[in-house]
Amino acid sequence: MRRSRATAPLHGDLFAVCLDGRRVCGADEAGRGPLAGPVIAAAVILDPARPIEGLRDSKQLSAARRAVLAQLIRGRSTAWAVAAASVHEIDRLNILQASLLAMRRAIEALEPAAEFALIDGDRLPRLAIEARAVIGGDALEPAISAASILAKHHRDRLMTELDRDFPGYGFAEHAGYPTPRHLQRLRELGPCPAHRRTFAPVRALLGSVDE
């Protein structure tokens, strides 16, 4: 297992670390903070011959713009993959470890495989390839930005599906985040199977039911 750690940005130059020809992917996750739904990760190897304008942190983009960019990323990238860690895995492992697991799954699913990984944040998943952690990487590194967009777009669509499966909570509106409306509906309806049992607001409600 080869691992390296650095938190300094690479000044937006995706290919600064692959001058020897290694394929570099960016990886990011979406959904660490919500009370419900899986955590989603994406990994992307950009194609320098097919640049994509407008890549940035997915949180800075509207849903409509993310949808447009997600289509471009899927069509122009050398490789991309999306993976998840389930609600059960989040509750069993904790959200940090589940997020790292989802990122590892996404990176390992790339075809062709990545030979170096840029990871958003300050922690690295366990990988068989060399990797670098980049704090704020979703706003600094194009490949991480692309992964951020794919992960967020995919998760938002998934939460819309969960809204149909478990109506009343408003998952399509808030994507599982602890908004006032979500917390109110959670108190009124109680947790559903999509809720993370180990997250404090859900755990508190389950405890009150047990009492």
Protein backbone atom coordinates (compact mmCIF):
# COMPACT_ATOMS: atom_id res chain seq x y z
CA MET A 1 0.00 0.00 0.00
CA ARG A 2 1.48 3.34 -1.04
CA ARG A 3 0.23 6.44 0.72
CA SER A 4 1.39 10.04 0.87
CA ARG A 5 -0.20 12.93 2.68
CA ALA A 6 -0.14 16.62 1.90
CA THR A 7 -2.63 19.36 2.54
CA ALA A 8 -1.15 22.07 0.32
CA PRO A 9 -3.08 22.81 -2.89
CA LEU A 10 -1.53 22.05 -6.22
CA HIS A 11 -2.43 25.52 -7.54
CA GLY A 12 -5.18 24.22 -9.77
CA ASP A 13 -2.76 22.25 -11.97
CA LEU A 14 -4.31 18.81 -12.19
CA PHE A 15 -1.31 17.39 -14.01
CA ALA A 16 1.42 18.80 -11.77
CA VAL A 17 1.80 15.38 -10.12
CA CYS A 18 1.58 13.20 -13.22
CA LEU A 19 4.35 14.48 -15.47
CA ASP A 20 5.62 10.91 -15.60
CA GLY A 21 2.41 9.83 -17.33
CA ARG A 22 0.47 8.50 -14.37
CA ARG A 23 -3.32 8.74 -14.54
CA VAL A 24 -4.54 11.04 -11.77
CA CYS A 25 -8.05 10.92 -10.36
CA GLY A 26 -9.84 13.30 -8.07
CA ALA A 27 -12.22 11.95 -5.43
CA ASP A 28 -14.82 13.56 -3.20
CA GLU A 29 -17.96 12.65 -1.27
CA ALA A 30 -21.40 14.09 -0.70
CA GLY A 31 -23.68 13.49 2.25
CA ARG A 32 -21.63 13.45 5.44
CA GLY A 33 -23.94 15.84 7.29
CA PRO A 34 -27.48 14.57 6.55
CA LEU A 35 -29.54 12.55 8.99
CA ALA A 36 -30.72 10.18 6.27
CA GLY A 37 -29.54 8.41 3.15
CA PRO A 38 -26.20 6.94 2.11
CA VAL A 39 -22.97 8.83 1.68
CA ILE A 40 -21.99 9.01 -2.00
CA ALA A 41 -18.50 9.33 -3.43
CA ALA A 42 -17.24 9.89 -6.95
CA ALA A 43 -13.87 9.59 -8.63
CA VAL A 44 -12.93 11.21 -11.94
CA ILE A 45 -9.94 11.08 -14.28
CA LEU A 46 -10.18 14.14 -16.50
CA ASP A 47 -9.06 14.08 -20.12
CA PRO A 48 -6.73 17.05 -20.79
CA ALA A 49 -7.68 16.88 -24.46
CA ARG A 50 -11.35 17.48 -23.60
CA PRO A 51 -11.45 20.30 -21.03
CA ILE A 52 -14.64 21.14 -19.15
CA GLU A 53 -15.30 24.78 -18.34
CA GLY A 54 -16.90 25.80 -15.08
CA LEU A 55 -15.67 23.06 -12.74
CA ARG A 56 -15.82 24.19 -9.12
CA ASP A 57 -17.03 23.14 -5.70
CA SER A 58 -20.47 21.60 -6.22
CA LYS A 59 -21.89 23.62 -3.30
CA GLN A 60 -21.27 26.79 -5.33
CA LEU A 61 -23.43 25.57 -8.22
CA SER A 62 -27.17 25.41 -8.72
CA ALA A 63 -28.80 22.02 -9.16
CA ALA A 64 -29.44 22.83 -12.82
CA ARG A 65 -25.81 23.74 -13.43
CA ARG A 66 -24.61 20.60 -11.62
CA ALA A 67 -26.83 18.51 -13.89
CA VAL A 68 -25.30 20.07 -17.02
CA LEU A 69 -21.75 19.65 -15.74
CA ALA A 70 -22.40 16.08 -14.59
CA GLN A 71 -23.40 15.15 -18.12
CA LEU A 72 -20.25 16.79 -19.52
CA ILE A 73 -18.06 15.06 -16.94
CA ARG A 74 -19.51 11.67 -17.80
CA GLY A 75 -19.10 12.32 -21.51
CA ARG A 76 -15.63 13.86 -21.61
CA SER A 77 -13.67 12.24 -18.79
CA THR A 78 -11.17 9.46 -19.31
CA ALA A 79 -12.95 7.58 -16.51
CA TRP A 80 -15.51 8.23 -13.79
CA ALA A 81 -17.23 6.18 -11.12
CA VAL A 82 -19.79 6.71 -8.37
CA ALA A 83 -20.04 4.55 -5.25
CA ALA A 84 -21.85 4.56 -1.92
CA ALA A 85 -21.67 3.52 1.69
CA SER A 86 -25.09 2.56 3.00
CA VAL A 87 -26.96 3.85 6.03
CA HIS A 88 -26.16 0.54 7.74
CA GLU A 89 -22.45 0.98 7.03
CA ILE A 90 -22.56 4.57 8.30
CA ASP A 91 -24.13 3.42 11.57
CA ARG A 92 -21.72 0.51 11.90
CA LEU A 93 -18.46 2.27 10.96
CA ASN A 94 -19.17 5.98 11.68
CA ILE A 95 -19.60 8.63 9.00
CA LEU A 96 -15.90 9.37 8.49
CA GLN A 97 -14.95 5.75 7.88
CA ALA A 98 -18.03 5.22 5.69
CA SER A 99 -17.07 8.26 3.60
CA LEU A 100 -13.54 6.94 3.13
CA LEU A 101 -14.97 3.53 2.22
CA ALA A 102 -17.22 5.08 -0.44
CA MET A 103 -14.26 7.00 -1.91
CA ARG A 104 -12.16 3.85 -2.01
CA ARG A 105 -14.95 2.01 -3.81
CA ALA A 106 -15.28 4.79 -6.38
CA ILE A 107 -11.54 4.96 -7.03
CA GLU A 108 -11.23 1.19 -7.34
CA ALA A 109 -14.12 1.13 -9.83
CA LEU A 110 -12.38 3.42 -12.33
CA GLU A 111 -11.60 1.92 -15.73
CA PRO A 112 -8.90 2.58 -16.77
CA ALA A 113 -7.56 2.55 -13.25
CA ALA A 114 -6.08 5.61 -11.59
CA GLU A 115 -2.40 5.56 -10.66
CA PHE A 116 -2.47 8.54 -8.31
CA ALA A 117 -5.39 9.99 -6.33
CA LEU A 118 -6.17 13.50 -5.15
CA ILE A 119 -8.57 13.29 -2.19
CA ASP A 120 -10.63 16.19 -0.90
CA GLY A 121 -10.04 16.84 2.80
CA ASP A 122 -7.33 15.86 5.25
CA ARG A 123 -7.81 12.10 5.46
CA LEU A 124 -6.99 9.37 2.97
CA PRO A 125 -8.86 6.14 2.27
CA ARG A 126 -6.90 2.91 2.20
CA LEU A 127 -5.71 2.56 -1.38
CA ALA A 128 -3.27 0.44 -3.34
CA ILE A 129 -2.06 3.56 -5.18
CA GLU A 130 -0.30 6.71 -4.02
CA ALA A 131 -2.60 9.51 -2.89
CA ARG A 132 -2.56 13.08 -1.65
CA ALA A 133 -5.09 14.77 0.64
CA VAL A 134 -5.97 18.31 -0.39
CA ILE A 135 -7.86 20.51 2.06
CA GLY A 136 -10.45 22.49 0.13
CA GLY A 137 -9.61 20.46 -2.93
CA ASP A 138 -13.14 20.66 -4.33
CA ALA A 139 -12.53 24.38 -4.95
CA LEU A 140 -8.89 24.02 -6.03
CA GLU A 141 -8.36 20.90 -8.12
CA PRO A 142 -10.43 20.37 -11.28
CA ALA A 143 -10.60 16.58 -10.94
CA ILE A 144 -11.81 16.87 -7.33
CA SER A 145 -14.33 19.51 -8.40
CA ALA A 146 -15.63 17.13 -11.05
CA ALA A 147 -15.94 14.34 -8.48
CA SER A 148 -17.73 16.71 -6.10
CA ILE A 149 -20.26 17.58 -8.80
CA LEU A 150 -20.92 13.95 -9.74
CA ALA A 151 -21.31 12.88 -6.11
CA LYS A 152 -23.68 15.72 -5.22
CA HIS A 153 -25.76 15.33 -8.38
CA HIS A 154 -26.08 11.57 -7.89
CA ARG A 155 -27.00 11.86 -4.24
CA ASP A 156 -29.63 14.53 -4.84
CA ARG A 157 -31.31 12.28 -7.40
CA LEU A 158 -31.15 9.35 -5.01
CA MET A 159 -32.76 11.40 -2.24
CA THR A 160 -35.58 12.31 -4.62
CA GLU A 161 -36.18 8.58 -5.07
CA LEU A 162 -36.15 8.09 -1.29
CA ASP A 163 -38.72 10.86 -1.02
CA ARG A 164 -41.07 8.70 -3.07
CA ASP A 165 -40.28 5.62 -0.99
CA PHE A 166 -40.71 7.44 2.33
CA PRO A 167 -43.09 10.36 1.75
CA GLY A 168 -43.62 13.05 4.33
CA TYR A 169 -40.06 13.81 5.35
CA GLY A 170 -39.25 16.09 2.43
CA PHE A 171 -36.08 14.29 1.33
CA ALA A 172 -36.33 15.76 -2.18
CA GLU A 173 -36.30 19.24 -0.66
CA HIS A 174 -33.49 19.01 1.91
CA ALA A 175 -31.64 15.82 0.85
CA GLY A 176 -31.73 14.54 4.41
CA TYR A 177 -30.00 17.52 6.04
CA PRO A 178 -31.30 18.59 9.47
CA THR A 179 -33.42 21.53 8.36
CA PRO A 180 -36.18 22.79 10.67
CA ARG A 181 -38.83 21.14 8.47
CA HIS A 182 -36.98 17.83 8.44
CA LEU A 183 -36.56 17.87 12.21
CA GLN A 184 -40.24 18.69 12.67
CA ARG A 185 -41.36 15.85 10.38
CA LEU A 186 -38.92 13.52 12.07
CA ARG A 187 -40.51 14.27 15.43
CA GLU A 188 -44.01 13.84 14.02
CA LEU A 189 -43.43 10.68 11.96
CA GLY A 190 -40.50 9.09 13.74
CA PRO A 191 -37.44 7.72 11.92
CA CYS A 192 -37.80 5.68 8.74
CA PRO A 193 -35.38 2.99 7.46
CA ALA A 194 -33.45 5.67 5.53
CA HIS A 195 -32.48 7.52 8.73
CA ARG A 196 -29.05 7.13 10.32
CA ARG A 197 -29.66 5.66 13.77
CA THR A 198 -26.36 6.86 15.24
CA PHE A 199 -26.91 10.54 14.41
CA ALA A 200 -27.93 12.50 17.51
CA PRO A 201 -31.43 13.77 16.53
CA VAL A 202 -32.45 10.31 15.31
CA ARG A 203 -30.82 8.52 18.23
CA ALA A 204 -32.62 10.80 20.68
CA LEU A 205 -35.98 9.97 19.15
CA LEU A 206 -35.27 6.26 19.18
CA GLY A 207 -34.28 6.52 22.82
CA SER A 208 -37.53 8.26 23.71
CA VAL A 209 -39.49 5.52 21.95
CA ASP A 210 -37.61 2.80 23.84
CA GLU A 211 -38.44 4.51 27.12
